[in-house]
Protein backbone atom coordinates (compact mmCIF):
# COMPACT_ATOMS: atom_id res chain seq x y z
CA MET A 1 -15.70 -8.28 -8.04
CA THR A 2 -12.35 -9.50 -10.03
CA ASN A 3 -12.66 -6.86 -12.50
CA LEU A 4 -11.88 -3.92 -9.26
CA LEU A 5 -9.25 -1.56 -10.04
CA ASP A 6 -6.83 -1.35 -6.78
CA PRO A 7 -7.77 1.04 -4.19
CA LYS A 8 -3.62 1.56 -3.64
CA LEU A 9 -3.07 3.36 -7.14
CA ASP A 10 -3.15 6.75 -5.44
CA TYR A 11 -5.96 7.62 -8.33
CA ILE A 12 -8.09 5.66 -7.40
CA PHE A 13 -7.73 6.20 -3.74
CA LYS A 14 -8.55 9.81 -4.08
CA ASN A 15 -11.89 8.59 -6.46
CA ILE A 16 -12.61 7.23 -3.16
CA PHE A 17 -11.48 9.02 0.14
CA GLY A 18 -10.52 12.96 -2.02
CA VAL A 19 -14.06 13.40 -3.39
CA GLU A 20 -15.87 15.93 -1.75
CA LYS A 21 -19.75 13.74 -1.96
CA HIS A 22 -17.61 10.64 -0.06
CA LYS A 23 -15.50 12.35 2.37
CA HIS A 24 -17.42 10.81 5.81
CA LEU A 25 -15.20 7.44 4.02
CA LEU A 26 -12.27 9.52 4.98
CA ILE A 27 -12.98 10.78 8.60
CA SER A 28 -14.10 7.10 8.89
CA PHE A 29 -10.67 5.68 8.05
CA LEU A 30 -9.31 8.72 9.96
CA ASN A 31 -10.67 7.78 13.32
CA ALA A 32 -10.00 4.38 12.70
CA LEU A 33 -6.12 4.93 12.32
CA LEU A 34 -5.23 7.72 14.53
CA LYS A 35 -8.15 6.80 17.62
CA GLY A 36 -8.80 9.82 18.98
CA ASN A 37 -5.50 11.52 18.58
CA PRO A 38 -7.64 13.80 17.39
CA LEU A 39 -10.56 13.05 16.94
CA ILE A 40 -12.05 14.11 13.52
CA LYS A 41 -15.80 15.26 13.19
CA THR A 42 -15.51 17.49 10.30
CA LEU A 43 -12.65 17.97 7.53
CA GLU A 44 -12.25 20.29 4.33
CA LEU A 45 -10.30 18.92 1.34
CA THR A 46 -7.78 21.03 -0.29
CA ASN A 47 -5.68 20.04 -3.31
CA THR A 48 -2.04 21.37 -2.93
CA GLU A 49 1.61 21.23 -4.81
CA ILE A 50 4.71 21.20 -3.25
CA PRO A 51 7.91 22.65 -4.99
CA LYS A 52 9.56 20.08 -7.49
CA ILE A 53 12.45 17.94 -5.96
CA PHE A 54 14.98 17.58 -9.45
CA LYS A 55 15.36 20.46 -12.35
CA ASP A 56 13.25 18.16 -14.50
CA ASP A 57 10.53 17.31 -12.53
CA LYS A 58 6.92 18.62 -12.32
CA ALA A 59 5.77 20.05 -8.85
CA SER A 60 4.19 17.27 -7.24
CA ARG A 61 0.48 17.03 -6.11
CA LEU A 62 -0.03 16.11 -3.04
CA ASP A 63 -2.69 12.69 -3.13
CA VAL A 64 -5.05 13.66 -0.81
CA ARG A 65 -4.88 16.48 1.48
CA ALA A 66 -7.34 17.51 4.60
CA THR A 67 -7.69 20.41 7.40
CA CYS A 68 -9.45 18.62 10.25
CA ASN A 69 -11.54 20.41 12.71
CA ASP A 70 -9.09 21.36 15.38
CA ASP A 71 -6.67 22.20 12.70
CA THR A 72 -5.00 19.70 12.25
CA GLU A 73 -3.47 18.74 8.63
CA ILE A 74 -3.55 15.26 7.32
CA ASP A 75 -1.67 14.12 4.12
CA ILE A 76 -1.99 10.81 2.55
CA GLU A 77 -0.10 9.37 0.02
CA ILE A 78 0.07 5.86 -1.41
CA GLN A 79 2.62 4.42 -2.75
CA CYS A 80 2.56 0.65 -4.35
CA LYS A 81 6.10 -0.06 -4.43
CA ASN A 82 9.22 0.38 -2.25
CA THR A 83 11.26 3.24 -4.55
CA GLY A 84 14.28 3.11 -1.84
CA GLU A 85 13.61 6.83 -0.50
CA ILE A 86 10.35 6.72 0.92
CA PRO A 87 11.28 7.88 4.55
CA GLU A 88 13.35 11.01 2.77
CA ARG A 89 10.10 11.50 0.64
CA ALA A 90 8.13 11.81 3.82
CA MET A 91 10.04 13.76 5.71
CA TYR A 92 10.30 16.13 2.92
CA TYR A 93 6.51 16.50 2.95
CA LEU A 94 5.76 16.89 6.07
CA ALA A 95 8.40 19.85 6.04
CA ASN A 96 7.21 21.50 3.45
CA MET A 97 3.29 21.13 5.50
CA ILE A 98 4.58 22.94 8.24
CA PRO A 99 5.22 26.62 7.11
CA HIS A 100 1.52 27.06 5.81
CA THR A 101 0.52 26.07 9.21
CA VAL A 102 2.59 28.82 11.31
CA GLU A 103 1.81 31.24 8.81
CA ALA A 104 -1.81 31.00 9.75
CA ASN A 105 -1.38 30.82 13.39
CA GLU A 106 1.15 33.60 13.18
CA SER A 107 3.59 32.36 15.81
CA TYR A 108 5.97 28.99 15.55
CA LYS A 109 3.15 27.01 17.80
CA ALA A 110 1.80 25.54 14.51
CA SER A 111 -0.85 23.43 14.00
CA LYS A 112 -0.16 19.65 14.08
CA VAL A 113 0.78 17.69 10.74
CA ILE A 114 0.29 14.14 9.87
CA GLY A 115 1.75 12.47 7.32
CA ILE A 116 0.47 9.38 6.54
CA TRP A 117 1.83 6.33 4.24
CA ILE A 118 -0.27 3.62 2.56
CA LEU A 119 2.39 1.25 1.18
CA GLY A 120 1.89 -1.87 -0.85
CA LYS A 121 5.56 -2.74 0.01
CA ASN A 122 7.33 -3.30 3.05
CA VAL A 123 9.37 -0.28 3.63
CA THR A 124 11.19 -0.32 7.28
CA ASP A 125 12.34 -3.56 9.14
CA ARG A 126 9.94 -2.87 12.10
CA LYS A 127 7.22 -6.25 12.55
CA ASP A 128 4.08 -4.21 12.67
CA ALA A 129 1.91 -3.03 10.04
CA ILE A 130 1.42 0.40 11.41
CA GLY A 131 4.70 2.40 12.60
CA GLU A 132 4.54 6.23 13.97
CA ALA A 133 7.24 8.36 13.90
CA TYR A 134 8.19 11.98 15.73
CA MET A 135 11.14 13.89 16.33
CA THR A 136 12.89 12.54 19.46
CA PHE A 137 15.35 12.45 21.67
CA GLN A 138 17.31 9.45 21.66
CA ALA A 139 17.70 7.57 24.95
CA THR A 140 21.18 7.79 26.77
CA ASP A 141 22.82 6.17 30.21
CA CYS A 142 21.12 9.95 31.91
CA ASP A 143 17.96 10.49 29.79
CA PRO A 144 15.69 8.28 28.73
CA TYR A 145 13.72 8.14 25.25
CA GLN A 146 11.87 11.32 24.87
CA ILE A 147 9.18 12.93 22.40
CA LEU A 148 10.35 16.24 21.07
CA THR A 149 7.35 17.52 19.96
CA GLU A 150 4.01 15.78 18.59
CA THR A 151 3.48 19.08 16.18
CA ALA A 152 4.91 16.75 13.14
CA ARG A 153 3.94 12.54 13.20
CA ILE A 154 4.55 10.36 9.99
CA ILE A 155 2.72 7.25 10.03
CA PHE A 156 3.71 4.33 7.60
CA ILE A 157 1.27 1.56 6.81
CA GLU A 158 3.15 -1.17 5.41
CA LEU A 159 0.25 -3.48 4.01
CA GLU A 160 2.28 -6.53 3.12
CA LYS A 161 3.20 -7.23 6.80
CA PHE A 162 -0.72 -6.77 7.50
CA ASN A 163 -2.51 -10.27 7.92
CA PRO A 164 -6.58 -9.83 8.80
CA LYS A 165 -6.62 -12.94 10.51
CA ASN A 166 -4.00 -12.25 12.93
CA ALA A 167 -5.94 -9.12 13.70
CA ASP A 168 -8.99 -7.59 15.74
CA ALA A 169 -11.69 -8.50 13.93
CA ARG A 170 -14.28 -6.59 15.44
CA ASP A 171 -11.49 -3.32 15.32
CA LEU A 172 -12.38 -0.61 12.70
CA LEU A 173 -9.08 -0.28 11.11
CA THR A 174 -8.91 -4.32 10.59
CA ALA A 175 -12.06 -3.69 8.53
CA TRP A 176 -10.17 -0.44 6.45
CA LEU A 177 -7.01 -2.47 6.15
CA SER A 178 -8.49 -5.52 4.60
CA PHE A 179 -10.61 -3.18 1.88
CA LEU A 180 -7.23 -1.35 0.99
CA LYS A 181 -5.30 -4.58 0.90
CA ASP A 182 -7.70 -6.55 -0.96
CA PRO A 183 -11.35 -5.80 -1.63
CA ILE A 184 -11.74 -8.60 -4.05
CA PHE A 185 -11.35 -11.22 -1.19
CA ILE A 186 -12.86 -8.78 1.98
CA ASP A 187 -14.70 -10.88 4.71
CA GLU A 188 -17.86 -9.96 4.61
CA SER A 189 -18.39 -9.19 8.00
CA PHE A 190 -16.46 -6.15 7.70
CA LEU A 191 -19.19 -5.16 5.51
CA LYS A 192 -21.39 -4.31 8.39
CA VAL A 193 -19.29 -1.19 8.65
CA GLU A 194 -21.17 0.94 6.53
CA GLU A 195 -18.79 3.61 5.44
CA VAL A 196 -16.57 0.17 4.68
CA LYS A 197 -19.33 -0.87 2.85
CA GLY A 198 -19.56 2.43 0.93
CA ALA A 199 -16.14 2.58 -0.05
CA LEU A 200 -16.53 -0.55 -1.62
CA GLU A 201 -19.65 0.20 -3.74
CA ARG A 202 -18.05 3.14 -4.63
CA LEU A 203 -15.02 0.88 -5.78
CA LYS A 204 -17.45 -1.12 -7.74
CA TYR A 205 -18.92 2.18 -9.58
CA ILE A 206 -15.73 3.75 -10.38
CA SER A 207 -14.16 0.65 -11.79
CA ALA A 208 -17.07 -0.06 -13.91
CA ASP A 209 -15.89 3.77 -15.28
CA LYS A 210 -13.92 3.05 -18.86
CA GLU A 211 -12.59 6.85 -18.73
CA ILE A 212 -11.63 6.29 -15.18
CA ARG A 213 -10.23 2.55 -15.77
CA ALA A 214 -8.09 3.88 -18.90
CA MET A 215 -6.92 6.75 -16.51
CA ALA A 216 -6.08 4.45 -13.98
CA ASP A 217 -4.33 2.40 -16.52
CA LEU A 218 -2.33 5.31 -17.86
CA ARG A 219 -1.69 6.39 -13.95
CA GLN A 220 0.11 2.96 -13.37
CA ARG A 221 2.49 2.93 -16.42
CA THR A 222 3.35 5.87 -15.56
CA ILE A 223 4.47 4.78 -11.89
CA ASN A 224 6.00 1.64 -13.74
CA ASP A 225 8.07 3.99 -16.16
CA ARG A 226 9.25 6.20 -13.16
CA ASN A 227 10.50 3.88 -11.09
CA SER A 228 12.23 1.99 -14.01
CA GLU A 229 13.67 4.89 -15.75
CA MET A 230 17.52 4.21 -14.31
CA ILE A 231 17.09 0.53 -16.42
CA VAL A 232 15.47 2.03 -19.26
CA ALA A 233 17.73 4.94 -19.49
CA ARG A 234 20.77 2.43 -19.70
CA GLU A 235 19.28 -0.41 -21.50
CA GLU A 236 16.77 1.09 -23.76
CA GLY A 237 17.24 5.11 -23.30
CA ARG A 238 15.10 6.88 -21.85
CA GLU A 239 13.02 8.70 -24.51
CA GLU A 240 12.70 5.27 -26.26
CA GLY A 241 11.33 3.82 -22.98
CA ILE A 242 8.46 6.62 -22.59
CA ALA A 243 7.53 6.49 -26.01
CA GLU A 244 6.75 2.68 -25.78
CA GLY A 245 4.72 2.46 -22.35
CA LYS A 246 2.89 5.84 -23.70
CA ARG A 247 2.27 3.63 -26.72
CA GLU A 248 1.02 0.92 -24.90
CA ALA A 249 -1.24 2.64 -22.46
CA THR A 250 -3.01 4.23 -25.60
CA LEU A 251 -3.63 1.00 -27.27
CA SER A 252 -4.89 -0.46 -23.89
CA MET A 253 -7.39 2.59 -23.98
CA LEU A 254 -8.64 2.20 -27.48
CA ILE A 255 -9.02 -1.39 -26.68
CA ASN A 256 -11.32 -0.61 -23.95
CA GLY A 257 -13.34 1.46 -26.20
CA LEU A 258 -12.37 5.13 -24.87
CA PRO A 259 -12.94 8.01 -27.42
CA VAL A 260 -9.72 9.51 -29.48
CA ASP A 261 -10.33 12.90 -28.03
CA ILE A 262 -9.96 11.82 -24.27
CA ILE A 263 -7.31 9.51 -25.34
CA SER A 264 -5.35 12.60 -26.43
CA LYS A 265 -6.31 14.39 -23.29
CA CYS A 266 -4.89 11.97 -21.39
CA THR A 267 -1.75 11.26 -23.10
CA GLY A 268 -1.07 14.63 -24.61
CA LEU A 269 -0.90 12.76 -28.36
CA SER A 270 -2.33 13.87 -30.81
CA ILE A 271 -5.51 12.48 -32.80
CA GLU A 272 -3.71 12.22 -35.83
CA ASP A 273 -0.87 10.21 -34.11
CA ILE A 274 -3.44 8.17 -32.51
CA LYS A 275 -5.32 7.26 -35.28
CA ASN A 276 -2.14 6.80 -37.24
CA LEU A 277 -0.93 4.41 -34.37
CA PRO A 278 0.75 0.85 -35.49
CA LYS A 279 -1.26 -1.53 -33.49
């Protein structure tokens, strides 16, 4: 169990919850979180890209996207670190989901869209581990607080604030959040839930796959490079920092016994460059 990959890494989360064969796991998690609003009986997994934000960005691919049986559109994003702009990104992603539903309905009465952000680090100053945001009218002396529309919702799950010991052990959501926060030390009682047990078995399976481990390692390094890009640019220069990260990732793959042609596909380096890489 100590060699399990982290389900909070977007690449690993998608390999557990974003796979057609295992989408019953996603349905179970979403129903535990949404508590019947809406109740999800079936869903269709979809992949989509949103426009790039900065000139030198690639287009962003949403982590896990699904359309539910009542046409609710759900996007789940995973973020291990607090990069300082997550609320703004959450609004941007949600805003890019709405035009699709308006177009499909041929009306401004859009289908509901829900953005779910699973966060490894705290982003808000709220006390609860789960916070939900709507467009609202602010309370005044004359009028109470009022929700403007429930069409667009954002749910933040801040796992750093979640403590299974203080949560309802009988609650399905407690089991799921315990799995996401730390599957190595998940309480055995939570594994009585068939879907949670299935998610752990799936995690064990992909954790034993050398190619997936190598891709996860590369993905983590890419995230680290992106988050520290400003520091790297100041201290070493952007290109040198990225090149070093790629070299370390390639060496890690070689140590793990991954074939050179797969490493080339993962990193973009030529097979010749990989073979000539200084050890």
